[in-house]
PDB file of N, CA and C in Angstrom:
ATOM      1  N   MET A   1     -85.331 -25.954 -68.933  1.00  0.00           N
ATOM      2  CA  MET A   1     -85.040 -24.570 -69.270  1.00  0.00           C
ATOM      3  C   MET A   1     -83.546 -24.442 -69.569  1.00  0.00           C
ATOM      4  N   GLU A   2     -83.259 -23.754 -70.651  1.00  0.00           N
ATOM      5  CA  GLU A   2     -81.874 -23.487 -71.025  1.00  0.00           C
ATOM      6  C   GLU A   2     -81.439 -22.154 -70.432  1.00  0.00           C
ATOM      7  N   ALA A   3     -80.144 -21.944 -70.384  1.00  0.00           N
ATOM      8  CA  ALA A   3     -79.610 -20.681 -69.874  1.00  0.00           C
ATOM      9  C   ALA A   3     -78.768 -20.022 -70.957  1.00  0.00           C
ATOM     10  N   PHE A   4     -78.824 -18.690 -70.997  1.00  0.00           N
ATOM     11  CA  PHE A   4     -77.958 -17.909 -71.887  1.00  0.00           C
ATOM     12  C   PHE A   4     -77.161 -16.967 -71.014  1.00  0.00           C
ATOM     13  N   LYS A   5     -75.833 -17.070 -71.101  1.00  0.00           N
ATOM     14  CA  LYS A   5     -74.962 -16.217 -70.283  1.00  0.00           C
ATOM     15  C   LYS A   5     -74.615 -14.942 -71.019  1.00  0.00           C
ATOM     16  N   LEU A   6     -74.905 -13.830 -70.374  1.00  0.00           N
ATOM     17  CA  LEU A   6     -74.484 -12.531 -70.897  1.00  0.00           C
ATOM     18  C   LEU A   6     -73.011 -12.371 -70.536  1.00  0.00           C
ATOM     19  N   GLU A   7     -72.168 -12.250 -71.523  1.00  0.00           N
ATOM     20  CA  GLU A   7     -70.743 -12.095 -71.261  1.00  0.00           C
ATOM     21  C   GLU A   7     -70.255 -10.832 -71.943  1.00  0.00           C
ATOM     22  N   GLY A   8     -69.804  -9.873 -71.137  1.00  0.00           N
ATOM     23  CA  GLY A   8     -69.270  -8.644 -71.684  1.00  0.00           C
ATOM     24  C   GLY A   8     -70.315  -7.641 -72.143  1.00  0.00           C
ATOM     25  N   HIS A   9     -71.595  -7.945 -71.906  1.00  0.00           N
ATOM     26  CA  HIS A   9     -72.680  -7.052 -72.315  1.00  0.00           C
ATOM     27  C   HIS A   9     -73.696  -6.944 -71.188  1.00  0.00           C
ATOM     28  N   ASP A  10     -74.445  -5.855 -71.182  1.00  0.00           N
ATOM     29  CA  ASP A  10     -75.490  -5.663 -70.181  1.00  0.00           C
ATOM     30  C   ASP A  10     -76.806  -6.294 -70.609  1.00  0.00           C
ATOM     31  N   PHE A  11     -76.980  -6.506 -71.916  1.00  0.00           N
ATOM     32  CA  PHE A  11     -78.247  -7.020 -72.419  1.00  0.00           C
ATOM     33  C   PHE A  11     -78.034  -7.708 -73.767  1.00  0.00           C
ATOM     34  N   ILE A  12     -79.078  -8.437 -74.201  1.00  0.00           N
ATOM     35  CA  ILE A  12     -79.137  -8.982 -75.559  1.00  0.00           C
ATOM     36  C   ILE A  12     -80.541  -8.682 -76.064  1.00  0.00           C
ATOM     37  N   GLU A  13     -80.649  -8.391 -77.351  1.00  0.00           N
ATOM     38  CA  GLU A  13     -81.956  -8.105 -77.933  1.00  0.00           C
ATOM     39  C   GLU A  13     -82.715  -9.408 -78.178  1.00  0.00           C
ATOM     40  N   LEU A  14     -84.020  -9.351 -77.993  1.00  0.00           N
ATOM     41  CA  LEU A  14     -84.873 -10.539 -78.090  1.00  0.00           C
ATOM     42  C   LEU A  14     -84.698 -11.277 -79.408  1.00  0.00           C
ATOM     43  N   ASN A  15     -84.750 -10.554 -80.528  1.00  0.00           N
ATOM     44  CA  ASN A  15     -84.646 -11.236 -81.824  1.00  0.00           C
ATOM     45  C   ASN A  15     -83.298 -11.942 -81.981  1.00  0.00           C
ATOM     46  N   LYS A  16     -82.247 -11.342 -81.440  1.00  0.00           N
ATOM     47  CA  LYS A  16     -80.916 -11.965 -81.529  1.00  0.00           C
ATOM     48  C   LYS A  16     -80.819 -13.202 -80.646  1.00  0.00           C
ATOM     49  N   LEU A  17     -81.456 -13.159 -79.485  1.00  0.00           N
ATOM     50  CA  LEU A  17     -81.440 -14.321 -78.600  1.00  0.00           C
ATOM     51  C   LEU A  17     -82.096 -15.525 -79.266  1.00  0.00           C
ATOM     52  N   LEU A  18     -83.251 -15.310 -79.880  1.00  0.00           N
ATOM     53  CA  LEU A  18     -83.954 -16.416 -80.539  1.00  0.00           C
ATOM     54  C   LEU A  18     -83.077 -17.056 -81.601  1.00  0.00           C
ATOM     55  N   LYS A  19     -82.337 -16.242 -82.328  1.00  0.00           N
ATOM     56  CA  LYS A  19     -81.472 -16.758 -83.383  1.00  0.00           C
ATOM     57  C   LYS A  19     -80.250 -17.473 -82.803  1.00  0.00           C
ATOM     58  N   ILE A  20     -79.588 -16.851 -81.829  1.00  0.00           N
ATOM     59  CA  ILE A  20     -78.390 -17.443 -81.217  1.00  0.00           C
ATOM     60  C   ILE A  20     -78.702 -18.790 -80.562  1.00  0.00           C
ATOM     61  N   MET A  21     -79.854 -18.869 -79.905  1.00  0.00           N
ATOM     62  CA  MET A  21     -80.240 -20.107 -79.214  1.00  0.00           C
ATOM     63  C   MET A  21     -80.836 -21.131 -80.180  1.00  0.00           C
ATOM     64  N   GLN A  22     -80.871 -20.798 -81.457  1.00  0.00           N
ATOM     65  CA  GLN A  22     -81.373 -21.670 -82.515  1.00  0.00           C
ATOM     66  C   GLN A  22     -82.830 -22.093 -82.293  1.00  0.00           C
ATOM     67  N   LEU A  23     -83.606 -21.166 -81.728  1.00  0.00           N
ATOM     68  CA  LEU A  23     -85.040 -21.411 -81.574  1.00  0.00           C
ATOM     69  C   LEU A  23     -85.770 -21.110 -82.873  1.00  0.00           C
ATOM     70  N   VAL A  24     -85.112 -20.339 -83.740  1.00  0.00           N
ATOM     71  CA  VAL A  24     -85.630 -20.013 -85.073  1.00  0.00           C
ATOM     72  C   VAL A  24     -84.508 -20.220 -86.079  1.00  0.00           C
ATOM     73  N   GLY A  25     -84.873 -20.304 -87.347  1.00  0.00           N
ATOM     74  CA  GLY A  25     -83.879 -20.556 -88.380  1.00  0.00           C
ATOM     75  C   GLY A  25     -83.175 -19.320 -88.893  1.00  0.00           C
ATOM     76  N   SER A  26     -83.797 -18.139 -88.686  1.00  0.00           N
ATOM     77  CA  SER A  26     -83.199 -16.917 -89.212  1.00  0.00           C
ATOM     78  C   SER A  26     -83.717 -15.712 -88.429  1.00  0.00           C
ATOM     79  N   GLY A  27     -83.055 -14.582 -88.636  1.00  0.00           N
ATOM     80  CA  GLY A  27     -83.511 -13.346 -88.012  1.00  0.00           C
ATOM     81  C   GLY A  27     -84.893 -12.951 -88.499  1.00  0.00           C
ATOM     82  N   GLY A  28     -85.164 -13.222 -89.764  1.00  0.00           N
ATOM     83  CA  GLY A  28     -86.485 -12.923 -90.328  1.00  0.00           C
ATOM     84  C   GLY A  28     -87.583 -13.721 -89.648  1.00  0.00           C
ATOM     85  N   GLU A  29     -87.302 -14.985 -89.365  1.00  0.00           N
ATOM     86  CA  GLU A  29     -88.280 -15.805 -88.644  1.00  0.00           C
ATOM     87  C   GLU A  29     -88.500 -15.263 -87.242  1.00  0.00           C
ATOM     88  N   ALA A  30     -87.419 -14.856 -86.583  1.00  0.00           N
ATOM     89  CA  ALA A  30     -87.527 -14.304 -85.228  1.00  0.00           C
ATOM     90  C   ALA A  30     -88.458 -13.099 -85.242  1.00  0.00           C
ATOM     91  N   LYS A  31     -88.253 -12.190 -86.183  1.00  0.00           N
ATOM     92  CA  LYS A  31     -89.089 -10.991 -86.283  1.00  0.00           C
ATOM     93  C   LYS A  31     -90.552 -11.359 -86.510  1.00  0.00           C
ATOM     94  N   GLN A  32     -90.790 -12.323 -87.380  1.00  0.00           N
ATOM     95  CA  GLN A  32     -92.156 -12.734 -87.692  1.00  0.00           C
ATOM     96  C   GLN A  32     -92.854 -13.306 -86.460  1.00  0.00           C
ATOM     97  N   PHE A  33     -92.184 -14.207 -85.742  1.00  0.00           N
ATOM     98  CA  PHE A  33     -92.801 -14.823 -84.564  1.00  0.00           C
ATOM     99  C   PHE A  33     -93.055 -13.796 -83.468  1.00  0.00           C
ATOM    100  N   ILE A  34     -92.133 -12.844 -83.299  1.00  0.00           N
ATOM    101  CA  ILE A  34     -92.325 -11.785 -82.302  1.00  0.00           C
ATOM    102  C   ILE A  34     -93.514 -10.912 -82.703  1.00  0.00           C
ATOM    103  N   ASP A  35     -93.558 -10.510 -83.977  1.00  0.00           N
ATOM    104  CA  ASP A  35     -94.666  -9.680 -84.470  1.00  0.00           C
ATOM    105  C   ASP A  35     -96.020 -10.360 -84.286  1.00  0.00           C
ATOM    106  N   GLU A  36     -96.042 -11.687 -84.418  1.00  0.00           N
ATOM    107  CA  GLU A  36     -97.293 -12.440 -84.296  1.00  0.00           C
ATOM    108  C   GLU A  36     -97.691 -12.693 -82.847  1.00  0.00           C
ATOM    109  N   GLY A  37     -96.870 -12.233 -81.901  1.00  0.00           N
ATOM    110  CA  GLY A  37     -97.199 -12.388 -80.490  1.00  0.00           C
ATOM    111  C   GLY A  37     -96.977 -13.792 -79.954  1.00  0.00           C
ATOM    112  N   LEU A  38     -96.048 -14.524 -80.555  1.00  0.00           N
ATOM    113  CA  LEU A  38     -95.802 -15.903 -80.157  1.00  0.00           C
ATOM    114  C   LEU A  38     -94.659 -16.059 -79.162  1.00  0.00           C
ATOM    115  N   VAL A  39     -94.070 -14.946 -78.736  1.00  0.00           N
ATOM    116  CA  VAL A  39     -92.935 -14.989 -77.808  1.00  0.00           C
ATOM    117  C   VAL A  39     -93.328 -14.276 -76.516  1.00  0.00           C
ATOM    118  N   GLN A  40     -92.973 -14.893 -75.391  1.00  0.00           N
ATOM    119  CA  GLN A  40     -93.251 -14.288 -74.091  1.00  0.00           C
ATOM    120  C   GLN A  40     -91.946 -13.948 -73.385  1.00  0.00           C
ATOM    121  N   VAL A  41     -91.951 -12.825 -72.683  1.00  0.00           N
ATOM    122  CA  VAL A  41     -90.834 -12.434 -71.826  1.00  0.00           C
ATOM    123  C   VAL A  41     -91.411 -12.230 -70.428  1.00  0.00           C
ATOM    124  N   ASN A  42     -90.881 -12.978 -69.491  1.00  0.00           N
ATOM    125  CA  ASN A  42     -91.344 -12.907 -68.101  1.00  0.00           C
ATOM    126  C   ASN A  42     -92.860 -13.084 -67.982  1.00  0.00           C
ATOM    127  N   GLY A  43     -93.384 -14.026 -68.781  1.00  0.00           N
ATOM    128  CA  GLY A  43     -94.797 -14.373 -68.698  1.00  0.00           C
ATOM    129  C   GLY A  43     -95.750 -13.480 -69.467  1.00  0.00           C
ATOM    130  N   GLU A  44     -95.235 -12.461 -70.144  1.00  0.00           N
ATOM    131  CA  GLU A  44     -96.065 -11.529 -70.916  1.00  0.00           C
ATOM    132  C   GLU A  44     -95.716 -11.606 -72.397  1.00  0.00           C
ATOM    133  N   VAL A  45     -96.719 -11.516 -73.257  1.00  0.00           N
ATOM    134  CA  VAL A  45     -96.462 -11.484 -74.701  1.00  0.00           C
ATOM    135  C   VAL A  45     -95.616 -10.251 -75.014  1.00  0.00           C
ATOM    136  N   GLU A  46     -94.563 -10.453 -75.780  1.00  0.00           N
ATOM    137  CA  GLU A  46     -93.651  -9.354 -76.125  1.00  0.00           C
ATOM    138  C   GLU A  46     -93.644  -9.165 -77.634  1.00  0.00           C
ATOM    139  N   THR A  47     -93.927  -7.938 -78.093  1.00  0.00           N
ATOM    140  CA  THR A  47     -93.936  -7.665 -79.527  1.00  0.00           C
ATOM    141  C   THR A  47     -92.822  -6.703 -79.942  1.00  0.00           C
ATOM    142  N   GLN A  48     -91.964  -6.318 -79.009  1.00  0.00           N
ATOM    143  CA  GLN A  48     -90.818  -5.479 -79.365  1.00  0.00           C
ATOM    144  C   GLN A  48     -89.689  -6.398 -79.841  1.00  0.00           C
ATOM    145  N   ARG A  49     -89.363  -6.310 -81.105  1.00  0.00           N
ATOM    146  CA  ARG A  49     -88.319  -7.177 -81.665  1.00  0.00           C
ATOM    147  C   ARG A  49     -86.981  -7.012 -80.959  1.00  0.00           C
ATOM    148  N   ARG A  50     -86.656  -5.772 -80.618  1.00  0.00           N
ATOM    149  CA  ARG A  50     -85.351  -5.487 -80.028  1.00  0.00           C
ATOM    150  C   ARG A  50     -85.424  -5.263 -78.518  1.00  0.00           C
ATOM    151  N   LYS A  51     -86.405  -5.886 -77.890  1.00  0.00           N
ATOM    152  CA  LYS A  51     -86.542  -5.791 -76.438  1.00  0.00           C
ATOM    153  C   LYS A  51     -85.213  -6.175 -75.795  1.00  0.00           C
ATOM    154  N   LYS A  52     -84.725  -5.329 -74.903  1.00  0.00           N
ATOM    155  CA  LYS A  52     -83.457  -5.593 -74.234  1.00  0.00           C
ATOM    156  C   LYS A  52     -83.681  -6.565 -73.081  1.00  0.00           C
ATOM    157  N   LEU A  53     -83.035  -7.714 -73.179  1.00  0.00           N
ATOM    158  CA  LEU A  53     -83.143  -8.727 -72.146  1.00  0.00           C
ATOM    159  C   LEU A  53     -81.927  -8.644 -71.240  1.00  0.00           C
ATOM    160  N   ARG A  54     -82.188  -8.697 -69.940  1.00  0.00           N
ATOM    161  CA  ARG A  54     -81.112  -8.588 -68.958  1.00  0.00           C
ATOM    162  C   ARG A  54     -81.142  -9.805 -68.035  1.00  0.00           C
ATOM    163  N   LYS A  55     -80.126  -9.909 -67.184  1.00  0.00           N
ATOM    164  CA  LYS A  55     -80.039 -11.043 -66.263  1.00  0.00           C
ATOM    165  C   LYS A  55     -81.344 -11.204 -65.503  1.00  0.00           C
ATOM    166  N   GLY A  56     -81.797 -12.451 -65.419  1.00  0.00           N
ATOM    167  CA  GLY A  56     -83.027 -12.764 -64.696  1.00  0.00           C
ATOM    168  C   GLY A  56     -84.253 -12.848 -65.573  1.00  0.00           C
ATOM    169  N   ASP A  57     -84.192 -12.292 -66.795  1.00  0.00           N
ATOM    170  CA  ASP A  57     -85.335 -12.364 -67.706  1.00  0.00           C
ATOM    171  C   ASP A  57     -85.505 -13.797 -68.203  1.00  0.00           C
ATOM    172  N   LYS A  58     -86.768 -14.164 -68.449  1.00  0.00           N
ATOM    173  CA  LYS A  58     -87.085 -15.495 -68.961  1.00  0.00           C
ATOM    174  C   LYS A  58     -87.887 -15.347 -70.239  1.00  0.00           C
ATOM    175  N   VAL A  59     -87.460 -16.061 -71.267  1.00  0.00           N
ATOM    176  CA  VAL A  59     -88.107 -16.015 -72.576  1.00  0.00           C
ATOM    177  C   VAL A  59     -88.723 -17.372 -72.861  1.00  0.00           C
ATOM    178  N   LYS A  60     -89.968 -17.358 -73.337  1.00  0.00           N
ATOM    179  CA  LYS A  60     -90.640 -18.602 -73.707  1.00  0.00           C
ATOM    180  C   LYS A  60     -91.094 -18.494 -75.152  1.00  0.00           C
ATOM    181  N   PHE A  61     -90.758 -19.518 -75.922  1.00  0.00           N
ATOM    182  CA  PHE A  61     -91.181 -19.602 -77.321  1.00  0.00           C
ATOM    183  C   PHE A  61     -91.486 -21.062 -77.614  1.00  0.00           C
ATOM    184  N   GLU A  62     -92.717 -21.320 -78.044  1.00  0.00           N
ATOM    185  CA  GLU A  62     -93.208 -22.676 -78.241  1.00  0.00           C
ATOM    186  C   GLU A  62     -92.973 -23.446 -76.948  1.00  0.00           C
ATOM    187  N   GLU A  63     -92.280 -24.559 -76.972  1.00  0.00           N
ATOM    188  CA  GLU A  63     -92.057 -25.345 -75.763  1.00  0.00           C
ATOM    189  C   GLU A  63     -90.705 -25.065 -75.125  1.00  0.00           C
ATOM    190  N   GLN A  64     -89.975 -24.093 -75.655  1.00  0.00           N
ATOM    191  CA  GLN A  64     -88.626 -23.784 -75.163  1.00  0.00           C
ATOM    192  C   GLN A  64     -88.657 -22.609 -74.207  1.00  0.00           C
ATOM    193  N   GLU A  65     -87.813 -22.699 -73.175  1.00  0.00           N
ATOM    194  CA  GLU A  65     -87.647 -21.578 -72.251  1.00  0.00           C
ATOM    195  C   GLU A  65     -86.160 -21.295 -72.082  1.00  0.00           C
ATOM    196  N   VAL A  66     -85.824 -20.011 -72.047  1.00  0.00           N
ATOM    197  CA  VAL A  66     -84.440 -19.596 -71.879  1.00  0.00           C
ATOM    198  C   VAL A  66     -84.400 -18.549 -70.763  1.00  0.00           C
ATOM    199  N   GLU A  67     -83.469 -18.733 -69.839  1.00  0.00           N
ATOM    200  CA  GLU A  67     -83.265 -17.742 -68.775  1.00  0.00           C
ATOM    201  C   GLU A  67     -81.945 -17.046 -69.028  1.00  0.00           C
ATOM    202  N   ILE A  68     -81.978 -15.715 -68.897  1.00  0.00           N
ATOM    203  CA  ILE A  68     -80.769 -14.919 -69.084  1.00  0.00           C
ATOM    204  C   ILE A  68     -80.002 -14.927 -67.768  1.00  0.00           C
ATOM    205  N   LYS A  69     -78.743 -15.333 -67.848  1.00  0.00           N
ATOM    206  CA  LYS A  69     -77.891 -15.422 -66.648  1.00  0.00           C
ATOM    207  C   LYS A  69     -76.802 -14.376 -66.676  1.00  0.00           C
TER     208      LYS A  69
END
């Protein structure tokens, strides 16, 4: 599992996290995968593209997992 550190912010949006962590090639891909229900947040399928992720949240996409620190 990888970690993403929130620095200077209270949250990061789901679609931006996928792009920053290079789990997808573009913002458009992030939106598509989220819309298709292929991304989980804290064990639940998440379809909100701009879901606000905060410390302690865990995101799973394909075989990758990211924890917000």
